Structures are given as structure tokens and as C-alpha cells.
Amino acid sequence: MKTRIPLSTPTMNGTEMSFIQEAFDTNWIAPLGPHVDAFEREIADYIGGTHAAALSSGTAAIHLALKAAGVGPGDVVLCQDLTFAASCNPIMYEKAVPVFIDSERQSWNMYPKALEAAFAKYPHTKAVIAVNLYGTPAKLDAIAEICRAHGAVLIEDAAESLGSTLHAKQTGGFGDIGILSFNGNKIITTSGGGMLLCNDESIVKKAKFWATQARDAARHYQHSELGYNYRMSNICAGIGRGQLTTLDLRIAQKTNIYNTYAAAFNKHDQISMNPVPTNCKSNYWLSCIILEDGSPVTPTDILERLEQENIEGRPIWKPMSLQPYYRHCDFITSEPTSVGHDIFARGLCLPSDVKMTGKQQNLVCDIILDMF
């Protein structure tokens, strides 16, 4: 059987075991512990000027961010349409109303012009969830300015963009609240986990309170608010601490993968890479291509051909406004036709695993080019 070339899998660097062993040696096996505290400090230092709460997933972080923003039943939350469902599912947890915002061509992320149109229609919007898709920063400064003008809380979903920068500032720190994910396929992993980031320490403390079952400061078990079991374990945090030591190396490796694909495809008039604006630096979590309108080859054709060679590719995220569960929700675009829907129809994600060899990546390129 042909060797599997995966999309993006965990890559251990060897230092993780020292942190895990320390957790075992000190019997800090249960949730919380010294590694959790240290991982929060290290991530906060890496992002710069923020406080952090280590949680069980990025989804949990978005959920608590919405609670911290005061989102409740009936409140409108504007969310990027071209994203993974975890960006918007927590809106439903709080019985709020999601409204989906179209993308722009320059970054594939939330289009500020469409966001302005959404605020004109929904002036009492409570919060906005902007996503840094595939590692590329959205126009976060413009989006933040629009949110401030309308009194809405900006939640920056940086689940895919740890290590990416906009104007030399780390993503995760542009919103009123930021979130990260450490799922197994992300640029660093804790096996599963996430992080809530905020400059306001009181919000982070409140998030930690909610995440530990909202237990009151009383001798007996007392709960005055609804709580959740959302905190990260000490062992998972230890894995994250080890992973963080090679984050910059992983970014360099992902960048090389993107540049290799770009060199192979950019001279082909039917294939373009996912765009990265000049004022930002992506972590290139996933390298993607989009085919020209009218291409004789479709994304499905390519994915099926790759599968025949035991190579994993993926479709672009299916926009939320096209999902059966969310089709009743409003969708705002400022273009004649949806940009995000078009990217979904013509794009696909390529193998971006840092353990992929140069020979394997060249094989991927050759297979795709041969199809044309």
C-alpha cells in the first residue's frame, strides 16, 4: 500500500515527555496544576499584553467569550460565513441569533464592507466573531474599528492562526477577546484544548470561574451561576508547553510548504494559492488552492485523484449559510454573488503536514499539474 500523505497531523518534538513525566512524578494528573498555570503565562507572553485561560477546546473558549460579552437569548451575533462550525455553534448554546457575513477575495476572511452592511441591518448586534482562516489574518484592525463604532464586542477566532501577525502584532490579541485552538491538526497541539485571551484580567478570571463549574468561594459546594467543565488538564498543558518550544520552527516549515506549492502552481493560469495580504504574516497552517472559473478540472476531481494515491486533501470549509442546520439564518454579502460560496466551490486544501518530504510534496504537485 502506498505511504499515506496526511493533511496535517500532530508532530512531537521530544520535549513534551519531560513535562508529562513531571506531571506523573508530582501526581498532577487531574485537571489544573502547575503546567496549566505555566502554559497560560507562556501563551500570554507569546501573544503579548494579554491574560489567558487554558480550556478544553477552542469551542469552549468561544462559548465563554460569548458569555463574557453578555450574549443571551435573542441577541444577534455576526459571524464569518466561511469557517468551521465550531466558530458559530456556541452562539446557539446561548440561544442567540447568528447572522453570517461574507468573505473578501484578498484574505478569504470577513469582508469589512459586508460587516458594515450587517450593522446597518442589525444595529443592536451584541458581538462579532471574525476568523483568521487557514492561518491568514483577517482585516482585524478595520473590523475592530467597525465594532467599536457600533458598540459590539469583537471575538477574534484565532484557532487556526497562532503565530500569524498583522502589522507585526500577533493574532489572538486584536479582539476584545481572542481564542486559540490546540486540536490535533493545529500548528501546535495539546491533543485537544484551547485558550481564551483578553487584556482585561477580570474577564479571564470570570472565564476560569465558569470553566470550573462556577463553584462559589464557600466551604461547601455552592453554585450561584451555571458552570461548565471546560478547564484544560495538567497533562495536556504539559504537552502544549513542549509544543510551544518549536512553534517558530513549525511556522517556518509550514511556510516552506506553502512556498513550494506556490512555485509549482503560480505559473499555471488555472490554479492560484490562498492569498496572504502583504501587511501580514501567515503561519500557513493549511496551504490551499483555488481553480479558475471554468476550469476543466474540479476540486472533487483533484481530491478523488489524490485519494487514489493515498494522499489526503480536503474541501474548503463549507460556508455556514449553506449548512442544513443554519440555512434559516440571515446571510449578508455586499457583492452581486457570494465570495465565500465561490471559494468553497472552486477551492481545496492540500497536504500541509510538516513531516511530508520534499519528494512527497513534489508528487502532490505533479499529480495535480498532470490533470491539466
Protein backbone atom coordinates (compact mmCIF):
# COMPACT_ATOMS: atom_id res chain seq x y z
CA MET A 1 0.00 0.00 0.00
CA LYS A 2 1.25 3.49 -0.84
CA THR A 3 2.56 5.55 2.06
CA ARG A 4 -0.11 7.88 3.43
CA ILE A 5 0.45 11.62 2.93
CA PRO A 6 -1.82 13.26 5.52
CA LEU A 7 -3.36 16.72 5.55
CA SER A 8 -1.98 17.87 8.92
CA THR A 9 -1.14 15.66 11.88
CA PRO A 10 0.46 16.22 15.30
CA THR A 11 4.25 16.49 15.25
CA MET A 12 6.02 15.84 18.53
CA ASN A 13 9.46 17.34 19.19
CA GLY A 14 10.52 15.13 22.12
CA THR A 15 10.41 17.71 24.91
CA GLU A 16 6.74 17.05 25.63
CA MET A 17 7.58 13.86 27.55
CA SER A 18 9.67 15.73 30.11
CA PHE A 19 6.65 17.85 31.04
CA ILE A 20 4.34 14.84 31.05
CA GLN A 21 6.78 12.89 33.22
CA GLU A 22 6.96 15.79 35.66
CA ALA A 23 3.16 15.71 35.92
CA PHE A 24 3.29 11.98 36.68
CA ASP A 25 6.15 12.34 39.16
CA THR A 26 4.33 15.05 41.09
CA ASN A 27 0.92 13.35 40.74
CA TRP A 28 -0.61 16.40 38.99
CA ILE A 29 -2.81 14.20 36.79
CA ALA A 30 -6.20 15.77 37.40
CA PRO A 31 -7.33 18.99 35.70
CA LEU A 32 -5.37 22.12 36.57
CA GLY A 33 -1.88 22.19 38.03
CA PRO A 34 1.49 23.91 37.53
CA HIS A 35 1.69 23.17 33.79
CA VAL A 36 -1.69 24.82 33.20
CA ASP A 37 -0.55 27.96 35.00
CA ALA A 38 2.77 28.00 33.15
CA PHE A 39 1.20 27.32 29.74
CA GLU A 40 -1.19 30.23 30.26
CA ARG A 41 1.71 32.55 31.11
CA GLU A 42 3.79 31.35 28.16
CA ILE A 43 0.97 31.80 25.64
CA ALA A 44 0.09 35.21 27.09
CA ASP A 45 3.74 36.26 26.78
CA TYR A 46 3.91 34.98 23.21
CA ILE A 47 0.78 36.89 22.15
CA GLY A 48 1.85 39.93 24.20
CA GLY A 49 -0.05 42.12 26.66
CA THR A 50 -2.82 39.68 27.45
CA HIS A 51 -4.12 37.25 30.05
CA ALA A 52 -5.06 33.65 29.26
CA ALA A 53 -7.34 30.85 30.42
CA ALA A 54 -6.46 27.31 29.29
CA LEU A 55 -9.60 25.39 28.34
CA SER A 56 -10.67 22.02 26.98
CA SER A 57 -11.21 23.28 23.41
CA GLY A 58 -11.34 26.33 21.20
CA THR A 59 -15.10 25.85 21.05
CA ALA A 60 -15.29 26.17 24.82
CA ALA A 61 -13.25 29.37 24.55
CA ILE A 62 -15.70 30.87 22.06
CA HIS A 63 -18.62 29.86 24.26
CA LEU A 64 -17.15 31.59 27.31
CA ALA A 65 -16.17 34.60 25.18
CA LEU A 66 -19.82 34.98 24.17
CA LYS A 67 -20.92 34.72 27.80
CA ALA A 68 -18.34 37.33 28.77
CA ALA A 69 -19.73 39.58 26.02
CA GLY A 70 -23.14 39.31 27.65
CA VAL A 71 -24.70 37.39 24.76
CA GLY A 72 -28.01 35.80 25.64
CA PRO A 73 -31.27 34.57 24.12
CA GLY A 74 -32.33 36.62 21.11
CA ASP A 75 -29.11 38.63 20.82
CA VAL A 76 -27.65 38.99 17.33
CA VAL A 77 -24.09 37.77 16.78
CA LEU A 78 -22.41 38.43 13.43
CA CYS A 79 -20.10 35.58 12.40
CA GLN A 80 -17.85 34.89 9.45
CA ASP A 81 -19.65 32.63 7.00
CA LEU A 82 -16.64 30.84 5.52
CA THR A 83 -15.41 28.94 8.57
CA PHE A 84 -15.70 25.71 10.55
CA ALA A 85 -18.91 25.12 12.52
CA ALA A 86 -17.11 25.49 15.86
CA SER A 87 -16.91 29.24 15.22
CA CYS A 88 -20.69 29.63 15.39
CA ASN A 89 -22.11 26.63 17.25
CA PRO A 90 -21.60 28.33 20.66
CA ILE A 91 -23.93 31.12 19.50
CA MET A 92 -26.67 28.51 19.56
CA TYR A 93 -25.61 27.30 23.01
CA GLU A 94 -26.68 30.69 24.34
CA LYS A 95 -29.88 30.73 22.22
CA ALA A 96 -28.64 33.79 20.38
CA VAL A 97 -29.18 34.59 16.68
CA PRO A 98 -26.29 34.03 14.23
CA VAL A 99 -26.05 36.22 11.13
CA PHE A 100 -23.37 35.22 8.65
CA ILE A 101 -21.02 37.67 6.93
CA ASP A 102 -19.43 37.09 3.53
CA SER A 103 -15.69 36.99 2.79
CA GLU A 104 -13.41 39.19 0.72
CA ARG A 105 -11.11 37.99 -2.04
CA GLN A 106 -7.91 39.47 -0.54
CA SER A 107 -7.78 37.21 2.52
CA TRP A 108 -10.83 34.89 2.27
CA ASN A 109 -11.88 36.36 5.62
CA MET A 110 -14.70 38.60 6.80
CA TYR A 111 -15.29 41.50 4.40
CA PRO A 112 -15.45 44.79 6.35
CA LYS A 113 -17.85 46.25 3.76
CA ALA A 114 -20.27 43.36 4.33
CA LEU A 115 -19.86 43.79 8.09
CA GLU A 116 -20.89 47.46 7.78
CA ALA A 117 -23.95 46.38 5.80
CA ALA A 118 -24.82 43.89 8.56
CA PHE A 119 -24.64 46.57 11.26
CA ALA A 120 -26.93 48.77 9.16
CA LYS A 121 -29.49 45.95 9.20
CA TYR A 122 -28.78 44.82 12.79
CA PRO A 123 -27.75 47.96 14.72
CA HIS A 124 -28.14 46.28 18.11
CA THR A 125 -25.67 43.48 17.38
CA LYS A 126 -24.07 42.25 20.59
CA ALA A 127 -20.88 40.59 19.28
CA VAL A 128 -18.88 39.79 16.15
CA ILE A 129 -16.85 36.61 15.56
CA ALA A 130 -14.07 37.16 13.00
CA VAL A 131 -11.94 34.20 11.89
CA ASN A 132 -8.34 34.02 10.63
CA LEU A 133 -8.97 31.35 8.03
CA TYR A 134 -6.23 28.77 7.40
CA GLY A 135 -3.78 30.96 9.35
CA THR A 136 -4.21 34.18 7.36
CA PRO A 137 -5.22 37.22 9.45
CA ALA A 138 -8.47 38.96 8.62
CA LYS A 139 -8.55 42.76 8.28
CA LEU A 140 -8.72 42.82 12.06
CA ASP A 141 -7.87 46.48 12.53
CA ALA A 142 -10.69 47.57 10.20
CA ILE A 143 -13.10 45.05 11.73
CA ALA A 144 -12.21 46.20 15.26
CA GLU A 145 -12.83 49.82 14.33
CA ILE A 146 -16.26 48.97 12.92
CA CYS A 147 -17.14 47.00 16.07
CA ARG A 148 -16.08 49.86 18.34
CA ALA A 149 -18.16 52.33 16.34
CA HIS A 150 -21.24 50.14 16.84
CA GLY A 151 -20.58 49.11 20.45
CA ALA A 152 -20.19 45.41 19.68
CA VAL A 153 -17.69 43.04 21.28
CA LEU A 154 -15.14 41.62 18.84
CA ILE A 155 -14.25 37.97 19.39
CA GLU A 156 -11.18 37.03 17.34
CA ASP A 157 -11.25 33.37 16.38
CA ALA A 158 -7.52 32.71 16.01
CA ALA A 159 -7.96 28.93 16.29
CA GLU A 160 -6.01 28.42 13.05
CA SER A 161 -3.58 31.34 13.27
CA LEU A 162 -1.32 31.00 16.31
CA GLY A 163 1.96 32.67 15.30
CA SER A 164 0.46 34.72 12.47
CA THR A 165 0.87 38.50 12.64
CA LEU A 166 -0.84 41.60 11.29
CA HIS A 167 1.27 44.78 11.27
CA ALA A 168 3.82 42.71 13.25
CA LYS A 169 1.29 42.10 16.05
CA GLN A 170 0.33 38.56 17.00
CA THR A 171 -3.14 37.37 16.11
CA GLY A 172 -5.29 36.47 19.07
CA GLY A 173 -4.72 39.92 20.52
CA PHE A 174 -6.78 42.11 18.18
CA GLY A 175 -10.24 41.41 19.54
CA ASP A 176 -11.79 42.38 22.84
CA ILE A 177 -11.49 38.63 23.45
CA GLY A 178 -9.36 36.17 21.45
CA ILE A 179 -9.42 32.40 21.25
CA LEU A 180 -6.93 29.72 20.22
CA SER A 181 -7.26 26.02 19.45
CA PHE A 182 -4.77 23.24 20.17
CA ASN A 183 -6.68 20.48 18.39
CA GLY A 184 -4.58 17.65 16.99
CA ASN A 185 -4.37 19.09 13.48
CA LYS A 186 -3.35 22.62 14.53
CA ILE A 187 0.16 24.06 14.25
CA ILE A 188 0.79 23.04 17.87
CA THR A 189 -1.39 20.70 19.87
CA THR A 190 -2.25 19.69 23.41
CA SER A 191 -4.10 16.64 21.95
CA GLY A 192 -7.23 18.70 22.46
CA GLY A 193 -7.59 22.09 24.06
CA GLY A 194 -7.99 25.80 23.62
CA MET A 195 -7.26 29.17 25.16
CA LEU A 196 -9.24 32.31 25.91
CA LEU A 197 -7.25 35.56 25.70
CA CYS A 198 -8.17 39.00 26.98
CA ASN A 199 -6.40 42.18 28.10
CA ASP A 200 -8.96 42.51 30.88
CA GLU A 201 -7.83 40.17 33.65
CA SER A 202 -11.27 40.22 35.29
CA ILE A 203 -12.83 38.66 32.18
CA VAL A 204 -10.22 35.88 32.18
CA LYS A 205 -10.84 35.23 35.88
CA LYS A 206 -14.57 35.04 35.22
CA ALA A 207 -13.99 32.62 32.35
CA LYS A 208 -11.91 30.39 34.64
CA PHE A 209 -14.71 30.53 37.22
CA TRP A 210 -17.34 29.44 34.69
CA ALA A 211 -15.00 26.76 33.33
CA THR A 212 -14.60 25.12 36.75
CA GLN A 213 -18.34 24.55 37.31
CA ALA A 214 -18.84 28.10 38.64
CA ARG A 215 -18.09 26.96 42.17
CA ASP A 216 -18.51 29.79 44.66
CA ALA A 217 -15.86 30.64 47.23
CA ALA A 218 -17.58 28.75 50.04
CA ARG A 219 -16.57 25.89 52.32
CA HIS A 220 -19.32 23.70 50.93
CA TYR A 221 -20.13 23.16 47.26
CA GLN A 222 -22.20 26.17 46.31
CA HIS A 223 -23.14 27.41 42.82
CA SER A 224 -24.83 30.74 42.17
CA GLU A 225 -24.30 30.57 38.39
CA LEU A 226 -24.36 27.92 35.70
CA GLY A 227 -20.91 26.42 35.24
CA TYR A 228 -19.08 24.15 32.81
CA ASN A 229 -16.36 21.52 32.92
CA TYR A 230 -14.12 23.37 30.46
CA ARG A 231 -10.66 23.54 32.04
CA MET A 232 -7.53 22.02 30.49
CA SER A 233 -5.77 19.15 32.26
CA ASN A 234 -2.25 19.48 33.63
CA ILE A 235 -1.00 16.72 31.33
CA CYS A 236 -2.46 18.36 28.21
CA ALA A 237 -0.92 21.67 29.26
CA GLY A 238 2.43 19.90 29.63
CA ILE A 239 2.16 18.68 26.03
CA GLY A 240 1.38 22.26 24.99
CA ARG A 241 4.43 23.64 26.80
CA GLY A 242 6.65 21.20 24.93
CA GLN A 243 4.96 22.00 21.63
CA LEU A 244 5.36 25.73 22.13
CA THR A 245 9.16 25.41 22.15
CA THR A 246 9.10 24.56 18.43
CA LEU A 247 6.25 26.80 17.28
CA ASP A 248 8.55 29.08 15.28
CA LEU A 249 10.12 26.03 13.61
CA ARG A 250 6.66 24.73 12.67
CA ILE A 251 5.76 28.10 11.15
CA ALA A 252 8.97 28.04 9.09
CA GLN A 253 8.18 24.51 7.91
CA LYS A 254 4.58 25.40 7.00
CA THR A 255 5.84 28.50 5.16
CA ASN A 256 8.21 26.35 3.12
CA ILE A 257 5.36 24.02 2.20
CA TYR A 258 3.24 26.96 1.01
CA ASN A 259 6.12 28.46 -0.97
CA THR A 260 6.84 25.12 -2.64
CA TYR A 261 3.24 24.81 -3.78
CA ALA A 262 3.25 28.44 -4.91
CA ALA A 263 6.38 27.89 -7.02
CA ALA A 264 4.73 24.89 -8.68
CA PHE A 265 1.30 26.42 -9.28
CA ASN A 266 1.61 30.18 -9.62
CA LYS A 267 2.73 29.98 -13.26
CA HIS A 268 -0.31 27.88 -14.13
CA ASP A 269 -3.20 30.02 -15.36
CA GLN A 270 -5.86 27.71 -13.87
CA ILE A 271 -4.52 27.48 -10.29
CA SER A 272 -3.99 30.11 -7.58
CA MET A 273 -2.87 29.80 -3.95
CA ASN A 274 -4.91 31.04 -0.99
CA PRO A 275 -3.99 34.74 -0.78
CA VAL A 276 -1.91 36.32 2.00
CA PRO A 277 -2.04 40.15 2.12
CA THR A 278 1.31 41.97 2.23
CA ASN A 279 0.69 43.65 5.61
CA CYS A 280 0.54 40.34 7.46
CA LYS A 281 2.45 37.14 8.03
CA SER A 282 0.58 33.86 7.98
CA ASN A 283 1.53 30.73 9.87
CA TYR A 284 0.40 28.91 6.69
CA TRP A 285 -1.42 26.30 8.75
CA LEU A 286 -3.01 24.86 5.61
CA SER A 287 -1.99 25.54 2.02
CA CYS A 288 -4.97 25.82 -0.31
CA ILE A 289 -5.59 26.35 -3.99
CA ILE A 290 -8.50 27.81 -5.94
CA LEU A 291 -9.20 26.89 -9.54
CA GLU A 292 -10.15 29.43 -12.17
CA ASP A 293 -13.82 29.72 -13.07
CA GLY A 294 -14.47 27.35 -15.93
CA SER A 295 -11.51 25.11 -15.14
CA PRO A 296 -11.75 21.74 -16.90
CA VAL A 297 -10.72 20.12 -13.61
CA THR A 298 -12.83 20.44 -10.46
CA PRO A 299 -11.78 20.31 -6.79
CA THR A 300 -13.61 16.99 -6.47
CA ASP A 301 -11.63 15.61 -9.41
CA ILE A 302 -8.38 16.52 -7.67
CA LEU A 303 -9.45 15.18 -4.27
CA GLU A 304 -10.51 11.86 -5.79
CA ARG A 305 -7.27 11.59 -7.75
CA LEU A 306 -5.24 12.27 -4.61
CA GLU A 307 -7.23 9.66 -2.70
CA GLN A 308 -6.23 7.08 -5.31
CA GLU A 309 -2.60 7.72 -4.30
CA ASN A 310 -3.43 7.61 -0.54
CA ILE A 311 -2.98 11.38 -0.28
CA GLU A 312 -5.30 13.38 1.96
CA GLY A 313 -6.78 16.63 0.71
CA ARG A 314 -9.88 18.39 2.00
CA PRO A 315 -12.60 20.61 0.58
CA ILE A 316 -12.60 24.25 1.69
CA TRP A 317 -14.86 24.76 4.73
CA LYS A 318 -18.47 24.65 3.58
CA PRO A 319 -19.93 28.09 4.41
CA MET A 320 -22.30 28.15 7.35
CA SER A 321 -25.08 29.73 5.29
CA LEU A 322 -25.05 26.57 3.11
CA GLN A 323 -25.23 24.19 6.08
CA PRO A 324 -28.61 22.50 6.61
CA TYR A 325 -28.67 23.47 10.28
CA TYR A 326 -28.03 27.17 9.58
CA ARG A 327 -29.94 27.72 6.32
CA HIS A 328 -32.67 29.62 8.18
CA CYS A 329 -30.14 32.26 9.27
CA ASP A 330 -29.57 35.57 7.51
CA PHE A 331 -26.53 35.97 5.27
CA ILE A 332 -25.02 39.35 4.40
CA THR A 333 -22.90 39.99 1.33
CA SER A 334 -22.01 43.26 -0.38
CA GLU A 335 -21.17 41.63 -3.70
CA PRO A 336 -23.52 40.54 -6.52
CA THR A 337 -22.74 36.91 -5.64
CA SER A 338 -21.18 35.39 -2.52
CA VAL A 339 -17.39 35.39 -2.42
CA GLY A 340 -17.27 32.68 0.25
CA HIS A 341 -19.63 30.40 -1.64
CA ASP A 342 -17.45 30.79 -4.73
CA ILE A 343 -14.24 29.99 -2.82
CA PHE A 344 -15.91 26.86 -1.43
CA ALA A 345 -17.00 25.78 -4.92
CA ARG A 346 -13.59 26.24 -6.54
CA GLY A 347 -11.07 25.63 -3.73
CA LEU A 348 -9.45 22.79 -1.83
CA CYS A 349 -6.90 22.22 0.94
CA LEU A 350 -3.64 20.47 0.09
CA PRO A 351 -1.47 18.21 2.29
CA SER A 352 0.34 20.54 4.69
CA ASP A 353 1.90 18.14 7.18
CA VAL A 354 5.38 19.24 8.30
CA LYS A 355 6.59 15.63 8.16
CA MET A 356 5.86 15.48 4.43
CA THR A 357 9.09 15.08 2.48
CA GLY A 358 10.06 17.21 -0.48
CA LYS A 359 9.64 14.18 -2.72
CA GLN A 360 6.13 13.61 -1.41
CA GLN A 361 5.14 17.23 -1.93
CA ASN A 362 6.53 17.18 -5.46
CA LEU A 363 4.38 14.11 -6.09
CA VAL A 364 1.29 16.04 -4.99
CA CYS A 365 2.21 18.90 -7.35
CA ASP A 366 2.90 16.56 -10.26
CA ILE A 367 -0.40 14.70 -9.83
CA ILE A 368 -2.38 17.95 -9.88
CA LEU A 369 -0.49 19.51 -12.78
CA ASP A 370 -0.79 16.32 -14.82
CA MET A 371 -4.58 16.58 -14.54
CA PHE A 372 -4.49 19.75 -16.64
